[in-house]
Amino acid sequence: MPEGLIVKALSGYYYVKPEAAGSAESVQCRGRGIFKKKGLTPLVGDRVIYTPTENGEGIVDEILPRETELIRPPVANARMAVLLFSVREPDLNLQLLDKFLVHIEHAGLKTLICLTKRDLMDEQEDELIRQTVELYERVGYEVLVTSSLKGEGMEDVMKRLEGCISVFAGQSGVGKSSLLNAMLPGLSLETSEISLRLGRGRHTTRHVELIELANGGYVADTPGFSQLDFLELGVEELSPCFIEFAPHAPKCKFRGCSHLHEPGCRVREAVESGGIAGSRYEHYVEFYEEMREKKRRY
């Protein structure tokens, strides 16, 4: 039986791109009833075995083992997350960026931070972006600054996406669709205008779909969203998601240190000495309290 890659899921159908050489068209498939009985749902990004049917469609018979699985957005086998945050319209939100980074670290994906709309920056904002790039590169993340309008940074982004499934994520209106359109002329994804009064964009991407790149990569253009919750994380899982804590946390006086108030906490010492950025630690504390509050409520 042939194998393929689910590139789109919509209205109960799975669109499978065959692995066979020269197969360009995807096959519209239904999933076997056994998946529902087992509590399994085929996801975009799944590699599957399917059976072609007489009407030119197919049946998904088996989901091959997954390397990764994201809950939100529902994508399998993604290896990289491209976090897109605009410098203006909407303004750069580092607290939200850090929240996205927590979720991506928890999912075990590589991360590329992509700051968009550089063409909208003035000199003062240029300095802010320089400081932001310096901050996150010091933490250990790769940061690219792009402009879809001027084509700036497009080749660098494309190189990072080669040969793997990547997830594009970020709040609405930051330029995900514009960036993809700039990298892939002729794609013509719908883009959203920004409401200056509300400071946020209209959601333009309504389902998850893999967009194939010429370099063997795929991009999941995912629905825009402006907030994430921490229900799937335990508070003890938060600290490892701040990767700059890793050299210091094992040296804390108490095992399971929350890095909030315990004596002999090496993480807080690193914050005080400048080894860990104060803004990152402040967001850690905010997220910790948010998670504890949610656990109490649920």
Protein backbone atom coordinates (compact mmCIF):
# COMPACT_ATOMS: atom_id res chain seq x y z
CA MET A 1 0.00 0.00 0.00
CA PRO A 2 1.29 3.50 -0.79
CA GLU A 3 2.57 5.95 1.80
CA GLY A 4 1.98 9.67 1.87
CA LEU A 5 1.92 12.88 3.88
CA ILE A 6 -1.27 14.56 5.10
CA VAL A 7 -0.97 18.14 3.82
CA LYS A 8 -4.47 19.35 4.72
CA ALA A 9 -7.37 18.28 6.94
CA LEU A 10 -10.78 19.81 6.27
CA SER A 11 -14.38 18.80 6.96
CA GLY A 12 -13.54 15.18 7.78
CA TYR A 13 -11.28 14.68 4.76
CA TYR A 14 -7.51 14.20 4.77
CA TYR A 15 -5.58 15.31 1.72
CA VAL A 16 -2.61 12.97 1.30
CA LYS A 17 0.37 13.80 -0.91
CA PRO A 18 1.79 10.48 -2.19
CA GLU A 19 5.47 9.82 -1.54
CA ALA A 20 5.88 8.26 -4.99
CA ALA A 21 8.16 10.29 -7.25
CA GLY A 22 6.32 12.51 -9.68
CA SER A 23 3.09 12.56 -7.66
CA ALA A 24 2.05 16.20 -7.43
CA GLU A 25 -1.69 15.93 -6.72
CA SER A 26 -2.91 15.06 -3.24
CA VAL A 27 -5.48 12.29 -2.75
CA GLN A 28 -8.68 13.08 -0.86
CA CYS A 29 -9.06 10.43 1.85
CA ARG A 30 -11.32 9.44 4.69
CA GLY A 31 -9.94 7.91 7.88
CA ARG A 32 -10.78 4.36 8.94
CA GLY A 33 -13.40 4.04 11.69
CA ILE A 34 -10.85 2.23 13.87
CA PHE A 35 -9.09 5.55 14.53
CA LYS A 36 -12.17 6.94 16.30
CA LYS A 37 -12.52 3.77 18.40
CA LYS A 38 -8.87 4.07 19.46
CA GLY A 39 -9.19 7.80 20.17
CA LEU A 40 -6.75 8.65 17.36
CA THR A 41 -7.07 11.58 14.98
CA PRO A 42 -4.91 11.86 11.87
CA LEU A 43 -3.13 15.22 11.85
CA VAL A 44 -1.67 17.45 9.20
CA GLY A 45 1.99 16.39 8.98
CA ASP A 46 1.26 12.72 9.66
CA ARG A 47 2.97 10.19 7.45
CA VAL A 48 0.36 7.58 6.66
CA ILE A 49 -0.36 4.39 4.75
CA TYR A 50 -3.48 4.64 2.61
CA THR A 51 -5.51 2.56 0.17
CA PRO A 52 -6.66 4.15 -3.11
CA THR A 53 -10.35 3.57 -3.91
CA GLU A 54 -12.05 3.16 -7.27
CA ASN A 55 -13.42 6.71 -7.33
CA GLY A 56 -9.93 8.24 -7.22
CA GLU A 57 -10.08 8.93 -3.50
CA GLY A 58 -8.59 6.87 -0.67
CA ILE A 59 -8.79 5.51 2.87
CA VAL A 60 -6.14 6.28 5.52
CA ASP A 61 -5.32 2.86 7.02
CA GLU A 62 -2.40 3.54 9.34
CA ILE A 63 -0.67 6.50 10.98
CA LEU A 64 3.09 5.99 11.06
CA PRO A 65 4.97 6.83 14.30
CA ARG A 66 5.20 10.57 15.03
CA GLU A 67 8.39 12.45 15.90
CA THR A 68 6.47 15.33 17.50
CA GLU A 69 2.84 16.25 18.10
CA LEU A 70 1.47 19.72 18.73
CA ILE A 71 -1.92 20.23 20.36
CA ARG A 72 -2.37 23.81 19.27
CA PRO A 73 -2.02 24.03 16.33
CA PRO A 74 -2.72 20.33 15.64
CA VAL A 75 0.35 19.39 13.58
CA ALA A 76 2.46 16.22 13.62
CA ASN A 77 6.18 15.78 12.85
CA ALA A 78 7.05 19.47 12.92
CA ARG A 79 10.73 20.02 13.72
CA MET A 80 10.93 23.81 13.76
CA ALA A 81 8.70 26.61 14.98
CA VAL A 82 9.06 30.00 13.33
CA LEU A 83 7.73 32.56 15.79
CA LEU A 84 6.71 35.70 13.95
CA PHE A 85 6.42 38.94 15.89
CA SER A 86 6.03 42.32 14.25
CA VAL A 87 7.97 45.37 15.39
CA ARG A 88 4.89 47.53 14.77
CA GLU A 89 1.20 47.05 13.98
CA PRO A 90 0.86 45.23 16.35
CA ASP A 91 3.71 46.43 18.58
CA LEU A 92 6.35 43.95 19.72
CA ASN A 93 5.10 42.01 22.77
CA LEU A 94 7.99 40.25 24.54
CA GLN A 95 5.78 38.71 27.22
CA LEU A 96 3.75 36.95 24.53
CA LEU A 97 6.95 35.96 22.72
CA ASP A 98 8.24 34.33 25.91
CA LYS A 99 4.92 32.51 26.34
CA PHE A 100 5.22 31.11 22.82
CA LEU A 101 8.81 30.07 23.57
CA VAL A 102 7.64 28.12 26.64
CA HIS A 103 5.17 26.15 24.54
CA ILE A 104 7.70 25.49 21.79
CA GLU A 105 10.35 24.30 24.27
CA HIS A 106 7.78 22.04 25.91
CA ALA A 107 6.92 20.57 22.50
CA GLY A 108 10.62 19.88 21.82
CA LEU A 109 10.89 21.88 18.59
CA LYS A 110 13.77 23.99 17.33
CA THR A 111 12.97 27.69 17.29
CA LEU A 112 13.55 30.56 14.89
CA ILE A 113 12.40 34.00 16.06
CA CYS A 114 11.43 36.14 13.09
CA LEU A 115 10.81 39.86 13.67
CA THR A 116 8.66 41.19 10.82
CA LYS A 117 7.76 44.57 9.27
CA ARG A 118 11.22 46.11 9.58
CA ASP A 119 10.15 48.65 6.94
CA LEU A 120 7.84 50.27 9.55
CA MET A 121 10.64 51.00 12.05
CA ASP A 122 12.06 54.40 12.85
CA GLU A 123 15.49 55.04 14.44
CA GLN A 124 14.21 54.67 18.01
CA GLU A 125 12.55 51.34 17.21
CA ASP A 126 15.68 50.22 15.38
CA GLU A 127 17.54 50.43 18.69
CA LEU A 128 14.76 48.50 20.44
CA ILE A 129 15.03 45.72 17.85
CA ARG A 130 18.81 45.63 18.17
CA GLN A 131 18.44 45.14 21.94
CA THR A 132 15.78 42.48 21.43
CA VAL A 133 17.95 40.53 18.98
CA GLU A 134 20.88 40.77 21.38
CA LEU A 135 18.73 39.57 24.31
CA TYR A 136 17.37 36.46 22.61
CA GLU A 137 20.61 35.54 20.90
CA ARG A 138 22.29 35.69 24.30
CA VAL A 139 19.62 33.30 25.63
CA GLY A 140 20.46 30.93 22.76
CA TYR A 141 17.84 31.57 20.07
CA GLU A 142 18.39 32.48 16.44
CA VAL A 143 16.71 35.76 15.48
CA LEU A 144 16.09 37.14 11.99
CA VAL A 145 14.68 40.58 11.16
CA THR A 146 12.59 40.66 7.99
CA SER A 147 10.54 42.87 5.73
CA SER A 148 8.11 41.16 3.34
CA LEU A 149 7.57 44.49 1.58
CA LYS A 150 11.28 44.93 0.78
CA GLY A 151 12.16 41.23 0.53
CA GLU A 152 14.63 41.56 3.41
CA GLY A 153 15.61 38.32 5.14
CA MET A 154 13.56 36.05 2.85
CA GLU A 155 16.54 33.93 1.70
CA ASP A 156 17.74 33.47 5.28
CA VAL A 157 14.32 32.24 6.38
CA MET A 158 14.06 29.86 3.41
CA LYS A 159 17.43 28.29 4.27
CA ARG A 160 16.23 27.47 7.80
CA LEU A 161 13.08 25.76 6.47
CA GLU A 162 14.86 23.36 4.13
CA GLY A 163 13.92 19.69 4.32
CA CYS A 164 11.58 19.74 7.34
CA ILE A 165 8.05 20.57 8.48
CA SER A 166 7.92 23.98 10.15
CA VAL A 167 5.13 25.69 12.04
CA PHE A 168 4.58 29.42 11.54
CA ALA A 169 3.03 30.86 14.67
CA GLY A 170 2.36 34.26 16.18
CA GLN A 171 -0.48 36.57 17.03
CA SER A 172 -2.81 37.77 14.30
CA GLY A 173 -1.66 40.49 11.94
CA VAL A 174 2.11 40.05 12.35
CA GLY A 175 2.61 39.19 8.68
CA LYS A 176 2.68 35.38 8.46
CA SER A 177 0.78 35.27 5.19
CA SER A 178 2.71 38.25 3.79
CA LEU A 179 6.02 36.52 4.55
CA LEU A 180 4.91 33.30 2.87
CA ASN A 181 3.65 35.23 -0.15
CA ALA A 182 7.02 37.03 -0.39
CA MET A 183 8.94 33.73 -0.20
CA LEU A 184 6.64 31.94 -2.64
CA PRO A 185 5.50 34.26 -5.45
CA GLY A 186 2.16 33.11 -6.83
CA LEU A 187 0.99 31.64 -3.51
CA SER A 188 -1.43 34.55 -2.89
CA LEU A 189 -2.50 33.72 0.64
CA GLU A 190 -5.12 36.08 2.00
CA THR A 191 -3.53 38.74 4.21
CA SER A 192 -5.21 40.76 6.94
CA GLU A 193 -5.38 44.48 7.47
CA ILE A 194 -4.63 45.72 10.96
CA SER A 195 -7.26 47.52 12.96
CA LEU A 196 -5.35 50.50 14.35
CA ARG A 197 -8.08 51.08 16.92
CA LEU A 198 -7.91 47.53 18.25
CA GLY A 199 -4.25 46.90 17.41
CA ARG A 200 -4.90 43.40 16.14
CA GLY A 201 -5.54 41.71 12.83
CA ARG A 202 -8.43 39.69 11.50
CA HIS A 203 -7.87 35.94 11.44
CA THR A 204 -7.15 35.04 7.82
CA THR A 205 -5.98 31.43 8.16
CA ARG A 206 -8.92 29.18 9.03
CA HIS A 207 -7.46 25.69 8.88
CA VAL A 208 -4.03 24.09 9.10
CA GLU A 209 -2.43 23.31 5.77
CA LEU A 210 1.10 22.37 4.72
CA ILE A 211 2.58 24.59 2.04
CA GLU A 212 5.32 22.88 0.03
CA LEU A 213 8.58 24.75 -0.53
CA ALA A 214 10.95 24.25 -3.45
CA ASN A 215 13.75 23.16 -1.07
CA GLY A 216 11.93 20.07 0.23
CA GLY A 217 10.45 21.79 3.26
CA TYR A 218 6.84 22.27 4.30
CA VAL A 219 5.35 25.16 6.24
CA ALA A 220 2.20 24.81 8.35
CA ASP A 221 0.38 28.10 7.93
CA THR A 222 -1.65 28.02 11.14
CA PRO A 223 -4.60 30.05 12.40
CA GLY A 224 -3.47 33.25 14.11
CA PHE A 225 -4.09 33.54 17.81
CA SER A 226 -3.13 36.07 20.43
CA GLN A 227 -3.06 34.07 23.64
CA LEU A 228 -2.05 30.65 24.90
CA ASP A 229 -3.02 28.84 28.05
CA PHE A 230 -0.88 26.64 30.26
CA LEU A 231 -3.38 23.88 31.02
CA GLU A 232 -1.29 21.16 29.39
CA LEU A 233 1.85 22.08 31.39
CA GLY A 234 2.60 21.37 35.02
CA VAL A 235 4.31 24.13 37.03
CA GLU A 236 7.33 21.84 37.47
CA GLU A 237 7.71 21.80 33.67
CA LEU A 238 7.98 25.57 33.36
CA SER A 239 11.55 26.11 34.54
CA PRO A 240 13.18 23.81 31.91
CA CYS A 241 11.34 25.79 29.20
CA PHE A 242 13.49 28.83 30.09
CA ILE A 243 16.65 27.42 28.54
CA GLU A 244 19.02 29.91 30.17
CA PHE A 245 18.05 28.52 33.60
CA ALA A 246 19.62 25.14 32.74
CA PRO A 247 23.24 25.88 33.82
CA HIS A 248 22.07 27.28 37.18
CA ALA A 249 19.01 25.26 38.32
CA PRO A 250 20.91 22.02 39.18
CA LYS A 251 23.08 24.02 41.60
CA CYS A 252 20.13 25.34 43.63
CA LYS A 253 20.22 24.41 47.32
CA PHE A 254 16.86 22.62 47.22
CA ARG A 255 15.78 19.97 44.74
CA GLY A 256 12.62 21.08 42.90
CA CYS A 257 13.42 24.75 43.58
CA SER A 258 10.68 26.99 42.17
CA HIS A 259 13.20 29.86 41.76
CA LEU A 260 10.74 32.18 43.48
CA HIS A 261 11.67 32.48 47.16
CA GLU A 262 13.85 29.55 48.27
CA PRO A 263 17.22 30.38 49.86
CA GLY A 264 20.29 29.33 47.91
CA CYS A 265 18.55 29.66 44.53
CA ARG A 266 21.24 29.94 41.86
CA VAL A 267 18.74 31.09 39.21
CA ARG A 268 17.82 34.20 41.22
CA GLU A 269 21.51 34.80 41.89
CA ALA A 270 22.13 34.71 38.12
CA VAL A 271 19.32 37.24 37.60
CA GLU A 272 20.86 39.57 40.20
CA SER A 273 24.32 39.28 38.64
CA GLY A 274 23.01 39.87 35.10
CA GLY A 275 23.59 36.32 33.88
CA ILE A 276 19.85 35.94 33.25
CA ALA A 277 17.85 38.84 31.79
CA GLY A 278 15.49 40.46 34.28
CA SER A 279 12.66 40.64 31.74
CA ARG A 280 12.82 36.91 31.10
CA TYR A 281 12.78 36.13 34.84
CA GLU A 282 9.82 38.49 35.40
CA HIS A 283 7.88 36.63 32.73
CA TYR A 284 8.80 33.31 34.34
CA VAL A 285 7.31 34.51 37.63
CA GLU A 286 4.16 35.79 35.88
CA PHE A 287 3.68 32.48 34.05
CA TYR A 288 4.27 30.47 37.23
CA GLU A 289 1.57 32.42 39.07
CA GLU A 290 -0.78 32.15 36.08
CA MET A 291 -0.31 28.38 35.98
CA ARG A 292 -0.95 28.00 39.70
CA GLU A 293 -4.11 30.09 39.42
CA LYS A 294 -5.41 28.03 36.48
CA LYS A 295 -4.75 24.77 38.34
CA ARG A 296 -6.76 26.09 41.31
CA ARG A 297 -9.67 26.99 39.03
CA TYR A 298 -9.70 23.72 37.14
